[in-house]
Protein backbone atom coordinates (compact mmCIF):
# COMPACT_ATOMS: atom_id res chain seq x y z
CA UNK A 1 0.00 0.00 0.00
CA UNK A 2 1.05 3.57 -0.70
CA UNK A 3 -0.34 6.50 1.23
CA UNK A 4 -0.51 9.97 -0.30
CA UNK A 5 -0.89 13.17 1.69
CA UNK A 6 -1.64 16.37 -0.19
CA UNK A 7 -1.32 19.94 0.98
CA UNK A 8 -1.23 23.47 -0.36
CA UNK A 9 -4.73 24.09 -1.64
CA UNK A 10 -6.69 27.22 -0.82
CA UNK A 11 -8.42 30.33 -2.09
CA UNK A 12 -6.62 32.70 -4.42
CA UNK A 13 -7.57 35.51 -6.75
CA UNK A 14 -7.33 35.13 -10.50
CA UNK A 15 -3.77 35.68 -11.63
CA UNK A 16 -2.38 34.40 -8.37
CA UNK A 17 -0.30 31.35 -7.55
CA UNK A 18 -0.48 28.26 -5.39
CA UNK A 19 1.86 25.34 -4.82
CA UNK A 20 0.50 21.89 -4.11
CA UNK A 21 2.53 19.13 -2.49
CA UNK A 22 1.94 15.40 -2.29
CA UNK A 23 4.05 13.11 -0.13
CA UNK A 24 4.05 9.37 -0.71
CA UNK A 25 4.81 6.83 2.00
CA UNK A 26 4.51 3.10 2.53
CA UNK A 27 5.51 0.53 -0.07
CA UNK A 28 6.89 3.00 -2.59
CA UNK A 29 8.90 1.99 -5.64
CA UNK A 30 12.15 3.52 -6.83
CA UNK A 31 10.72 3.75 -10.34
CA UNK A 32 7.31 5.36 -10.31
CA UNK A 33 5.08 7.95 -11.88
CA UNK A 34 3.32 10.61 -9.88
CA UNK A 35 0.92 13.25 -11.03
CA UNK A 36 -2.15 15.33 -10.56
CA UNK A 37 -5.75 15.16 -11.71
CA UNK A 38 -8.53 17.55 -10.88
CA UNK A 39 -12.30 17.44 -10.66
CA UNK A 40 -14.60 20.42 -10.78
CA UNK A 41 -18.23 20.20 -9.59
CA UNK A 42 -20.36 18.40 -12.15
CA UNK A 43 -17.34 17.42 -14.24
CA UNK A 44 -15.34 14.26 -14.67
CA UNK A 45 -11.90 13.96 -13.19
CA UNK A 46 -9.37 15.26 -15.71
CA UNK A 47 -5.64 14.91 -16.18
CA UNK A 48 -3.45 17.86 -15.19
CA UNK A 49 0.21 16.81 -15.16
CA UNK A 50 2.49 13.83 -14.69
CA UNK A 51 6.15 13.27 -13.90
CA UNK A 52 8.21 10.09 -13.96
CA UNK A 53 10.93 9.26 -11.46
CA UNK A 54 13.38 10.16 -14.23
CA UNK A 55 11.89 13.63 -14.55
CA UNK A 56 9.92 13.30 -17.78
CA UNK A 57 6.81 15.45 -17.69
CA UNK A 58 3.55 15.86 -19.53
CA UNK A 59 0.82 18.45 -19.14
CA UNK A 60 -2.77 18.99 -20.13
CA UNK A 61 -3.04 21.66 -22.82
CA UNK A 62 -5.17 23.78 -20.51
CA UNK A 63 -2.32 24.24 -18.02
CA UNK A 64 0.77 24.28 -20.25
CA UNK A 65 2.89 27.34 -19.63
CA UNK A 66 1.15 28.07 -16.32
CA UNK A 67 1.67 24.95 -14.19
CA UNK A 68 4.95 23.21 -13.44
CA UNK A 69 5.23 19.74 -11.97
CA UNK A 70 8.38 18.71 -10.14
CA UNK A 71 9.49 16.11 -7.63
CA UNK A 72 11.96 15.32 -4.91
CA UNK A 73 12.73 11.61 -5.16
CA UNK A 74 14.55 11.56 -1.82
CA UNK A 75 11.35 12.74 -0.15
CA UNK A 76 8.93 10.81 -2.40
CA UNK A 77 7.18 14.10 -2.92
CA UNK A 78 5.67 15.68 -6.00
CA UNK A 79 4.84 19.37 -6.37
CA UNK A 80 2.55 21.34 -8.62
CA UNK A 81 3.39 25.02 -8.97
CA UNK A 82 0.34 26.79 -10.35
CA UNK A 83 0.77 30.31 -11.71
CA UNK A 84 -1.57 32.68 -13.53
CA UNK A 85 -4.51 30.86 -12.02
CA UNK A 86 -7.92 31.24 -13.64
CA UNK A 87 -11.42 30.72 -12.20
CA UNK A 88 -11.73 27.65 -14.43
CA UNK A 89 -8.86 26.06 -12.51
CA UNK A 90 -11.17 25.78 -9.52
CA UNK A 91 -11.43 22.12 -8.59
CA UNK A 92 -10.41 19.45 -6.14
CA UNK A 93 -6.89 18.40 -7.06
CA UNK A 94 -5.92 14.77 -6.55
CA UNK A 95 -2.42 13.36 -6.41
CA UNK A 96 -1.85 9.90 -7.79
CA UNK A 97 0.92 7.31 -7.72
CA UNK A 98 1.59 4.83 -10.49
CA UNK A 99 -1.97 5.21 -11.63
CA UNK A 100 -3.18 3.10 -8.73
CA UNK A 101 -3.10 5.08 -5.50
CA UNK A 102 -4.90 8.37 -4.96
CA UNK A 103 -4.72 11.11 -2.38
CA UNK A 104 -7.72 12.51 -0.55
CA UNK A 105 -7.79 15.66 -2.65
CA UNK A 106 -7.16 19.30 -1.88
CA UNK A 107 -9.50 22.13 -2.84
CA UNK A 108 -8.27 24.94 -5.06
CA UNK A 109 -10.61 27.89 -5.51
CA UNK A 110 -9.80 30.77 -7.82
CA UNK A 111 -11.97 33.85 -7.50
CA UNK A 112 -12.53 36.28 -10.35
C-alpha atoms as a PDB file:
ATOM      1  CA  UNK A   1       0.000   0.000   0.000  1.00  0.00           C
ATOM      2  CA  UNK A   2       1.049   3.569  -0.700  1.00  0.00           C
ATOM      3  CA  UNK A   3      -0.336   6.502   1.233  1.00  0.00           C
ATOM      4  CA  UNK A   4      -0.507   9.968  -0.297  1.00  0.00           C
ATOM      5  CA  UNK A   5      -0.894  13.168   1.694  1.00  0.00           C
ATOM      6  CA  UNK A   6      -1.639  16.371  -0.190  1.00  0.00           C
ATOM      7  CA  UNK A   7      -1.323  19.942   0.983  1.00  0.00           C
ATOM      8  CA  UNK A   8      -1.229  23.473  -0.355  1.00  0.00           C
ATOM      9  CA  UNK A   9      -4.732  24.093  -1.639  1.00  0.00           C
ATOM     10  CA  UNK A  10      -6.693  27.220  -0.823  1.00  0.00           C
ATOM     11  CA  UNK A  11      -8.420  30.329  -2.089  1.00  0.00           C
ATOM     12  CA  UNK A  12      -6.621  32.697  -4.419  1.00  0.00           C
ATOM     13  CA  UNK A  13      -7.574  35.512  -6.752  1.00  0.00           C
ATOM     14  CA  UNK A  14      -7.334  35.131 -10.496  1.00  0.00           C
ATOM     15  CA  UNK A  15      -3.771  35.679 -11.632  1.00  0.00           C
ATOM     16  CA  UNK A  16      -2.377  34.402  -8.368  1.00  0.00           C
ATOM     17  CA  UNK A  17      -0.297  31.349  -7.553  1.00  0.00           C
ATOM     18  CA  UNK A  18      -0.477  28.263  -5.389  1.00  0.00           C
ATOM     19  CA  UNK A  19       1.860  25.337  -4.817  1.00  0.00           C
ATOM     20  CA  UNK A  20       0.497  21.886  -4.115  1.00  0.00           C
ATOM     21  CA  UNK A  21       2.525  19.126  -2.487  1.00  0.00           C
ATOM     22  CA  UNK A  22       1.941  15.401  -2.292  1.00  0.00           C
ATOM     23  CA  UNK A  23       4.053  13.115  -0.128  1.00  0.00           C
ATOM     24  CA  UNK A  24       4.049   9.367  -0.706  1.00  0.00           C
ATOM     25  CA  UNK A  25       4.805   6.833   1.998  1.00  0.00           C
ATOM     26  CA  UNK A  26       4.507   3.099   2.528  1.00  0.00           C
ATOM     27  CA  UNK A  27       5.514   0.526  -0.071  1.00  0.00           C
ATOM     28  CA  UNK A  28       6.885   2.996  -2.594  1.00  0.00           C
ATOM     29  CA  UNK A  29       8.901   1.986  -5.637  1.00  0.00           C
ATOM     30  CA  UNK A  30      12.150   3.517  -6.828  1.00  0.00           C
ATOM     31  CA  UNK A  31      10.715   3.749 -10.344  1.00  0.00           C
ATOM     32  CA  UNK A  32       7.314   5.365 -10.311  1.00  0.00           C
ATOM     33  CA  UNK A  33       5.080   7.952 -11.876  1.00  0.00           C
ATOM     34  CA  UNK A  34       3.315  10.610  -9.883  1.00  0.00           C
ATOM     35  CA  UNK A  35       0.924  13.247 -11.028  1.00  0.00           C
ATOM     36  CA  UNK A  36      -2.154  15.331 -10.564  1.00  0.00           C
ATOM     37  CA  UNK A  37      -5.745  15.160 -11.713  1.00  0.00           C
ATOM     38  CA  UNK A  38      -8.529  17.550 -10.879  1.00  0.00           C
ATOM     39  CA  UNK A  39     -12.298  17.442 -10.660  1.00  0.00           C
ATOM     40  CA  UNK A  40     -14.603  20.423 -10.784  1.00  0.00           C
ATOM     41  CA  UNK A  41     -18.229  20.202  -9.589  1.00  0.00           C
ATOM     42  CA  UNK A  42     -20.357  18.405 -12.154  1.00  0.00           C
ATOM     43  CA  UNK A  43     -17.336  17.419 -14.245  1.00  0.00           C
ATOM     44  CA  UNK A  44     -15.343  14.263 -14.674  1.00  0.00           C
ATOM     45  CA  UNK A  45     -11.897  13.964 -13.185  1.00  0.00           C
ATOM     46  CA  UNK A  46      -9.366  15.259 -15.710  1.00  0.00           C
ATOM     47  CA  UNK A  47      -5.642  14.908 -16.183  1.00  0.00           C
ATOM     48  CA  UNK A  48      -3.449  17.857 -15.193  1.00  0.00           C
ATOM     49  CA  UNK A  49       0.207  16.811 -15.160  1.00  0.00           C
ATOM     50  CA  UNK A  50       2.493  13.828 -14.687  1.00  0.00           C
ATOM     51  CA  UNK A  51       6.152  13.266 -13.904  1.00  0.00           C
ATOM     52  CA  UNK A  52       8.213  10.089 -13.957  1.00  0.00           C
ATOM     53  CA  UNK A  53      10.929   9.260 -11.462  1.00  0.00           C
ATOM     54  CA  UNK A  54      13.382  10.161 -14.226  1.00  0.00           C
ATOM     55  CA  UNK A  55      11.888  13.626 -14.549  1.00  0.00           C
ATOM     56  CA  UNK A  56       9.919  13.296 -17.783  1.00  0.00           C
ATOM     57  CA  UNK A  57       6.810  15.449 -17.694  1.00  0.00           C
ATOM     58  CA  UNK A  58       3.553  15.859 -19.533  1.00  0.00           C
ATOM     59  CA  UNK A  59       0.823  18.455 -19.141  1.00  0.00           C
ATOM     60  CA  UNK A  60      -2.766  18.992 -20.134  1.00  0.00           C
ATOM     61  CA  UNK A  61      -3.040  21.661 -22.820  1.00  0.00           C
ATOM     62  CA  UNK A  62      -5.172  23.782 -20.507  1.00  0.00           C
ATOM     63  CA  UNK A  63      -2.316  24.240 -18.021  1.00  0.00           C
ATOM     64  CA  UNK A  64       0.771  24.279 -20.249  1.00  0.00           C
ATOM     65  CA  UNK A  65       2.892  27.339 -19.632  1.00  0.00           C
ATOM     66  CA  UNK A  66       1.151  28.068 -16.323  1.00  0.00           C
ATOM     67  CA  UNK A  67       1.675  24.955 -14.193  1.00  0.00           C
ATOM     68  CA  UNK A  68       4.947  23.207 -13.437  1.00  0.00           C
ATOM     69  CA  UNK A  69       5.232  19.737 -11.965  1.00  0.00           C
ATOM     70  CA  UNK A  70       8.381  18.709 -10.136  1.00  0.00           C
ATOM     71  CA  UNK A  71       9.488  16.115  -7.629  1.00  0.00           C
ATOM     72  CA  UNK A  72      11.963  15.322  -4.905  1.00  0.00           C
ATOM     73  CA  UNK A  73      12.733  11.609  -5.157  1.00  0.00           C
ATOM     74  CA  UNK A  74      14.549  11.564  -1.819  1.00  0.00           C
ATOM     75  CA  UNK A  75      11.347  12.740  -0.153  1.00  0.00           C
ATOM     76  CA  UNK A  76       8.932  10.808  -2.403  1.00  0.00           C
ATOM     77  CA  UNK A  77       7.176  14.101  -2.924  1.00  0.00           C
ATOM     78  CA  UNK A  78       5.671  15.683  -6.001  1.00  0.00           C
ATOM     79  CA  UNK A  79       4.839  19.367  -6.369  1.00  0.00           C
ATOM     80  CA  UNK A  80       2.548  21.343  -8.618  1.00  0.00           C
ATOM     81  CA  UNK A  81       3.394  25.024  -8.969  1.00  0.00           C
ATOM     82  CA  UNK A  82       0.345  26.789 -10.352  1.00  0.00           C
ATOM     83  CA  UNK A  83       0.766  30.311 -11.705  1.00  0.00           C
ATOM     84  CA  UNK A  84      -1.573  32.677 -13.526  1.00  0.00           C
ATOM     85  CA  UNK A  85      -4.512  30.864 -12.025  1.00  0.00           C
ATOM     86  CA  UNK A  86      -7.919  31.241 -13.635  1.00  0.00           C
ATOM     87  CA  UNK A  87     -11.418  30.722 -12.205  1.00  0.00           C
ATOM     88  CA  UNK A  88     -11.735  27.651 -14.432  1.00  0.00           C
ATOM     89  CA  UNK A  89      -8.856  26.065 -12.512  1.00  0.00           C
ATOM     90  CA  UNK A  90     -11.171  25.779  -9.517  1.00  0.00           C
ATOM     91  CA  UNK A  91     -11.427  22.118  -8.591  1.00  0.00           C
ATOM     92  CA  UNK A  92     -10.412  19.453  -6.138  1.00  0.00           C
ATOM     93  CA  UNK A  93      -6.892  18.404  -7.056  1.00  0.00           C
ATOM     94  CA  UNK A  94      -5.920  14.773  -6.554  1.00  0.00           C
ATOM     95  CA  UNK A  95      -2.424  13.365  -6.405  1.00  0.00           C
ATOM     96  CA  UNK A  96      -1.848   9.897  -7.789  1.00  0.00           C
ATOM     97  CA  UNK A  97       0.921   7.313  -7.716  1.00  0.00           C
ATOM     98  CA  UNK A  98       1.591   4.826 -10.488  1.00  0.00           C
ATOM     99  CA  UNK A  99      -1.972   5.210 -11.625  1.00  0.00           C
ATOM    100  CA  UNK A 100      -3.179   3.100  -8.727  1.00  0.00           C
ATOM    101  CA  UNK A 101      -3.101   5.081  -5.502  1.00  0.00           C
ATOM    102  CA  UNK A 102      -4.896   8.373  -4.960  1.00  0.00           C
ATOM    103  CA  UNK A 103      -4.720  11.113  -2.377  1.00  0.00           C
ATOM    104  CA  UNK A 104      -7.723  12.508  -0.554  1.00  0.00           C
ATOM    105  CA  UNK A 105      -7.786  15.660  -2.652  1.00  0.00           C
ATOM    106  CA  UNK A 106      -7.156  19.302  -1.885  1.00  0.00           C
ATOM    107  CA  UNK A 107      -9.496  22.133  -2.837  1.00  0.00           C
ATOM    108  CA  UNK A 108      -8.270  24.938  -5.062  1.00  0.00           C
ATOM    109  CA  UNK A 109     -10.610  27.887  -5.506  1.00  0.00           C
ATOM    110  CA  UNK A 110      -9.797  30.774  -7.820  1.00  0.00           C
ATOM    111  CA  UNK A 111     -11.972  33.853  -7.496  1.00  0.00           C
ATOM    112  CA  UNK A 112     -12.531  36.279 -10.353  1.00  0.00           C
END
